[in-house]
Amino acid sequence: MKNKIRYSNEPIEARIINDFLPSPEDLNLKEKKTKVTLTLTQKSLDFFKSSAKKHKGSYQAMIRRLIDYYVANQ
């Protein structure tokens, strides 16, 4: 850097943010999963597979998260 940085005594507007993250003990990283058989239309399956491929994920995980989201909001 050729130019020197000149600092001034301007007031800094900062505020403390409460800790909003859960403790490691509260994080349930491995939820129990139960295998089920689910019949989907080919159109739905194609949608989830193409979306998963585009986002480099698993179509089964996408369906599981969709169902979990639905349950959480009921």
N, C-alpha and C. Protein backbone atom coordinates (compact mmCIF):
# COMPACT_ATOMS: atom_id res chain seq x y z
N MET A 1 0.85 -1.17 0.00
CA MET A 1 0.00 0.00 0.00
C MET A 1 0.89 1.23 0.00
N LYS A 2 0.66 2.07 -0.94
CA LYS A 2 1.45 3.30 -1.03
C LYS A 2 0.84 4.41 -0.18
N ASN A 3 -0.47 4.48 -0.17
CA ASN A 3 -1.14 5.54 0.59
C ASN A 3 -1.30 5.15 2.05
N LYS A 4 -0.98 6.07 2.92
CA LYS A 4 -1.16 5.83 4.34
C LYS A 4 -2.63 6.02 4.70
N ILE A 5 -3.10 5.20 5.60
CA ILE A 5 -4.47 5.31 6.07
C ILE A 5 -4.49 6.33 7.20
N ARG A 6 -5.40 7.28 7.10
CA ARG A 6 -5.54 8.28 8.16
C ARG A 6 -6.84 8.01 8.91
N TYR A 7 -6.69 7.76 10.18
CA TYR A 7 -7.85 7.49 11.01
C TYR A 7 -8.31 8.77 11.68
N SER A 8 -9.61 8.87 11.87
CA SER A 8 -10.16 10.04 12.55
C SER A 8 -10.83 9.56 13.85
N ASN A 9 -11.24 10.50 14.65
CA ASN A 9 -11.89 10.17 15.91
C ASN A 9 -13.40 10.20 15.78
N GLU A 10 -13.91 9.64 14.69
CA GLU A 10 -15.35 9.60 14.50
C GLU A 10 -15.97 8.60 15.47
N PRO A 11 -17.17 8.91 15.96
CA PRO A 11 -17.81 7.96 16.88
C PRO A 11 -18.21 6.69 16.13
N ILE A 12 -18.08 5.57 16.81
CA ILE A 12 -18.46 4.29 16.23
C ILE A 12 -19.82 3.90 16.80
N GLU A 13 -20.75 3.60 15.91
CA GLU A 13 -22.08 3.18 16.34
C GLU A 13 -22.10 1.66 16.37
N ALA A 14 -21.88 1.10 17.54
CA ALA A 14 -21.88 -0.35 17.70
C ALA A 14 -22.87 -0.74 18.78
N ARG A 15 -23.39 -1.94 18.66
CA ARG A 15 -24.31 -2.42 19.69
C ARG A 15 -24.03 -3.89 19.94
N ILE A 16 -24.34 -4.33 21.11
CA ILE A 16 -24.12 -5.72 21.49
C ILE A 16 -25.34 -6.53 21.06
N ILE A 17 -25.08 -7.65 20.42
CA ILE A 17 -26.13 -8.54 19.97
C ILE A 17 -26.14 -9.74 20.90
N ASN A 18 -27.32 -10.05 21.43
CA ASN A 18 -27.44 -11.21 22.32
C ASN A 18 -27.08 -12.48 21.58
N ASP A 19 -26.53 -13.44 22.31
CA ASP A 19 -26.17 -14.73 21.73
C ASP A 19 -27.45 -15.46 21.34
N PHE A 20 -27.62 -15.73 20.05
CA PHE A 20 -28.84 -16.36 19.58
C PHE A 20 -28.61 -17.80 19.12
N LEU A 21 -27.37 -18.25 19.16
CA LEU A 21 -27.09 -19.61 18.71
C LEU A 21 -27.34 -20.62 19.83
N PRO A 22 -27.87 -21.78 19.49
CA PRO A 22 -28.09 -22.80 20.52
C PRO A 22 -26.75 -23.40 20.95
N SER A 23 -26.73 -23.95 22.15
CA SER A 23 -25.52 -24.60 22.62
C SER A 23 -25.33 -25.90 21.85
N PRO A 24 -24.11 -26.42 21.81
CA PRO A 24 -23.89 -27.69 21.11
C PRO A 24 -24.77 -28.83 21.64
N GLU A 25 -25.07 -28.80 22.94
CA GLU A 25 -25.92 -29.83 23.50
C GLU A 25 -27.34 -29.77 22.95
N ASP A 26 -27.77 -28.57 22.56
CA ASP A 26 -29.12 -28.40 22.04
C ASP A 26 -29.25 -28.74 20.56
N LEU A 27 -28.13 -28.92 19.92
CA LEU A 27 -28.17 -29.26 18.50
C LEU A 27 -28.35 -30.76 18.34
N ASN A 28 -29.41 -31.13 17.67
CA ASN A 28 -29.66 -32.54 17.41
C ASN A 28 -29.20 -32.81 15.99
N LEU A 29 -27.94 -33.17 15.85
CA LEU A 29 -27.37 -33.32 14.52
C LEU A 29 -27.86 -34.59 13.81
N LYS A 30 -28.13 -35.61 14.55
CA LYS A 30 -28.59 -36.86 13.96
C LYS A 30 -29.99 -37.19 14.46
N GLU A 31 -30.96 -36.86 13.67
CA GLU A 31 -32.33 -37.22 14.04
C GLU A 31 -32.58 -38.66 13.61
N LYS A 32 -33.39 -39.34 14.39
CA LYS A 32 -33.75 -40.71 14.04
C LYS A 32 -34.60 -40.67 12.78
N LYS A 33 -34.26 -41.53 11.85
CA LYS A 33 -35.00 -41.61 10.59
C LYS A 33 -35.65 -42.98 10.48
N THR A 34 -36.82 -43.00 9.89
CA THR A 34 -37.54 -44.23 9.66
C THR A 34 -37.76 -44.38 8.17
N LYS A 35 -37.42 -45.52 7.65
CA LYS A 35 -37.56 -45.77 6.22
C LYS A 35 -39.03 -46.04 5.90
N VAL A 36 -39.53 -45.39 4.87
CA VAL A 36 -40.91 -45.60 4.41
C VAL A 36 -40.90 -45.78 2.89
N THR A 37 -41.97 -46.34 2.40
CA THR A 37 -42.15 -46.46 0.96
C THR A 37 -43.14 -45.38 0.54
N LEU A 38 -42.76 -44.62 -0.45
CA LEU A 38 -43.59 -43.51 -0.92
C LEU A 38 -43.69 -43.58 -2.43
N THR A 39 -44.89 -43.55 -2.94
CA THR A 39 -45.09 -43.58 -4.38
C THR A 39 -45.36 -42.15 -4.86
N LEU A 40 -44.51 -41.69 -5.77
CA LEU A 40 -44.64 -40.34 -6.33
C LEU A 40 -44.98 -40.44 -7.81
N THR A 41 -45.55 -39.39 -8.33
CA THR A 41 -45.75 -39.34 -9.78
C THR A 41 -44.39 -39.14 -10.43
N GLN A 42 -44.27 -39.56 -11.66
CA GLN A 42 -43.00 -39.41 -12.38
C GLN A 42 -42.64 -37.93 -12.52
N LYS A 43 -43.65 -37.09 -12.70
CA LYS A 43 -43.42 -35.65 -12.82
C LYS A 43 -42.79 -35.08 -11.54
N SER A 44 -43.30 -35.50 -10.37
CA SER A 44 -42.74 -35.03 -9.10
C SER A 44 -41.33 -35.55 -8.89
N LEU A 45 -41.12 -36.82 -9.18
CA LEU A 45 -39.80 -37.41 -9.01
C LEU A 45 -38.77 -36.74 -9.92
N ASP A 46 -39.15 -36.48 -11.16
CA ASP A 46 -38.25 -35.79 -12.09
C ASP A 46 -37.90 -34.40 -11.58
N PHE A 47 -38.89 -33.70 -11.01
CA PHE A 47 -38.64 -32.37 -10.47
C PHE A 47 -37.61 -32.42 -9.35
N PHE A 48 -37.81 -33.32 -8.38
CA PHE A 48 -36.89 -33.40 -7.24
C PHE A 48 -35.50 -33.85 -7.68
N LYS A 49 -35.43 -34.79 -8.60
CA LYS A 49 -34.12 -35.26 -9.06
C LYS A 49 -33.36 -34.17 -9.81
N SER A 50 -34.06 -33.43 -10.67
CA SER A 50 -33.37 -32.37 -11.42
C SER A 50 -32.98 -31.21 -10.49
N SER A 51 -33.83 -30.89 -9.53
CA SER A 51 -33.49 -29.83 -8.58
C SER A 51 -32.30 -30.23 -7.71
N ALA A 52 -32.29 -31.47 -7.28
CA ALA A 52 -31.18 -31.96 -6.45
C ALA A 52 -29.88 -31.96 -7.24
N LYS A 53 -29.95 -32.36 -8.49
CA LYS A 53 -28.75 -32.39 -9.32
C LYS A 53 -28.21 -30.97 -9.54
N LYS A 54 -29.13 -30.03 -9.76
CA LYS A 54 -28.74 -28.63 -9.99
C LYS A 54 -28.06 -28.04 -8.76
N HIS A 55 -28.53 -28.42 -7.57
CA HIS A 55 -27.99 -27.87 -6.32
C HIS A 55 -27.00 -28.82 -5.64
N LYS A 56 -26.61 -29.87 -6.38
CA LYS A 56 -25.63 -30.85 -5.88
C LYS A 56 -26.04 -31.43 -4.53
N GLY A 57 -27.25 -31.94 -4.49
CA GLY A 57 -27.77 -32.53 -3.25
C GLY A 57 -28.48 -33.84 -3.53
N SER A 58 -29.17 -34.32 -2.54
CA SER A 58 -29.91 -35.57 -2.64
C SER A 58 -31.40 -35.27 -2.78
N TYR A 59 -32.04 -35.91 -3.75
CA TYR A 59 -33.47 -35.67 -3.92
C TYR A 59 -34.26 -36.21 -2.73
N GLN A 60 -33.77 -37.29 -2.13
CA GLN A 60 -34.46 -37.85 -0.96
C GLN A 60 -34.37 -36.88 0.22
N ALA A 61 -33.22 -36.25 0.39
CA ALA A 61 -33.07 -35.26 1.47
C ALA A 61 -33.96 -34.05 1.22
N MET A 62 -34.10 -33.66 -0.05
CA MET A 62 -34.98 -32.53 -0.37
C MET A 62 -36.43 -32.84 0.01
N ILE A 63 -36.88 -34.04 -0.33
CA ILE A 63 -38.25 -34.44 0.00
C ILE A 63 -38.42 -34.50 1.51
N ARG A 64 -37.42 -35.05 2.21
CA ARG A 64 -37.48 -35.14 3.67
C ARG A 64 -37.57 -33.75 4.30
N ARG A 65 -36.74 -32.82 3.82
CA ARG A 65 -36.78 -31.45 4.37
C ARG A 65 -38.09 -30.75 4.07
N LEU A 66 -38.65 -31.01 2.90
CA LEU A 66 -39.94 -30.44 2.54
C LEU A 66 -41.03 -30.92 3.50
N ILE A 67 -41.03 -32.21 3.78
CA ILE A 67 -42.02 -32.76 4.71
C ILE A 67 -41.77 -32.23 6.12
N ASP A 68 -40.52 -32.16 6.55
CA ASP A 68 -40.20 -31.61 7.88
C ASP A 68 -40.66 -30.16 8.00
N TYR A 69 -40.46 -29.38 6.93
CA TYR A 69 -40.90 -27.98 6.94
C TYR A 69 -42.41 -27.90 7.07
N TYR A 70 -43.10 -28.75 6.33
CA TYR A 70 -44.57 -28.77 6.41
C TYR A 70 -45.04 -29.10 7.82
N VAL A 71 -44.43 -30.13 8.43
CA VAL A 71 -44.81 -30.54 9.79
C VAL A 71 -44.54 -29.42 10.79
N ALA A 72 -43.42 -28.75 10.67
CA ALA A 72 -43.06 -27.69 11.60
C ALA A 72 -44.02 -26.50 11.52
N ASN A 73 -44.65 -26.32 10.38
CA ASN A 73 -45.53 -25.17 10.20
C ASN A 73 -47.00 -25.51 10.35
N GLN A 74 -47.31 -26.67 10.87
CA GLN A 74 -48.71 -27.05 11.08
C GLN A 74 -49.09 -26.86 12.53
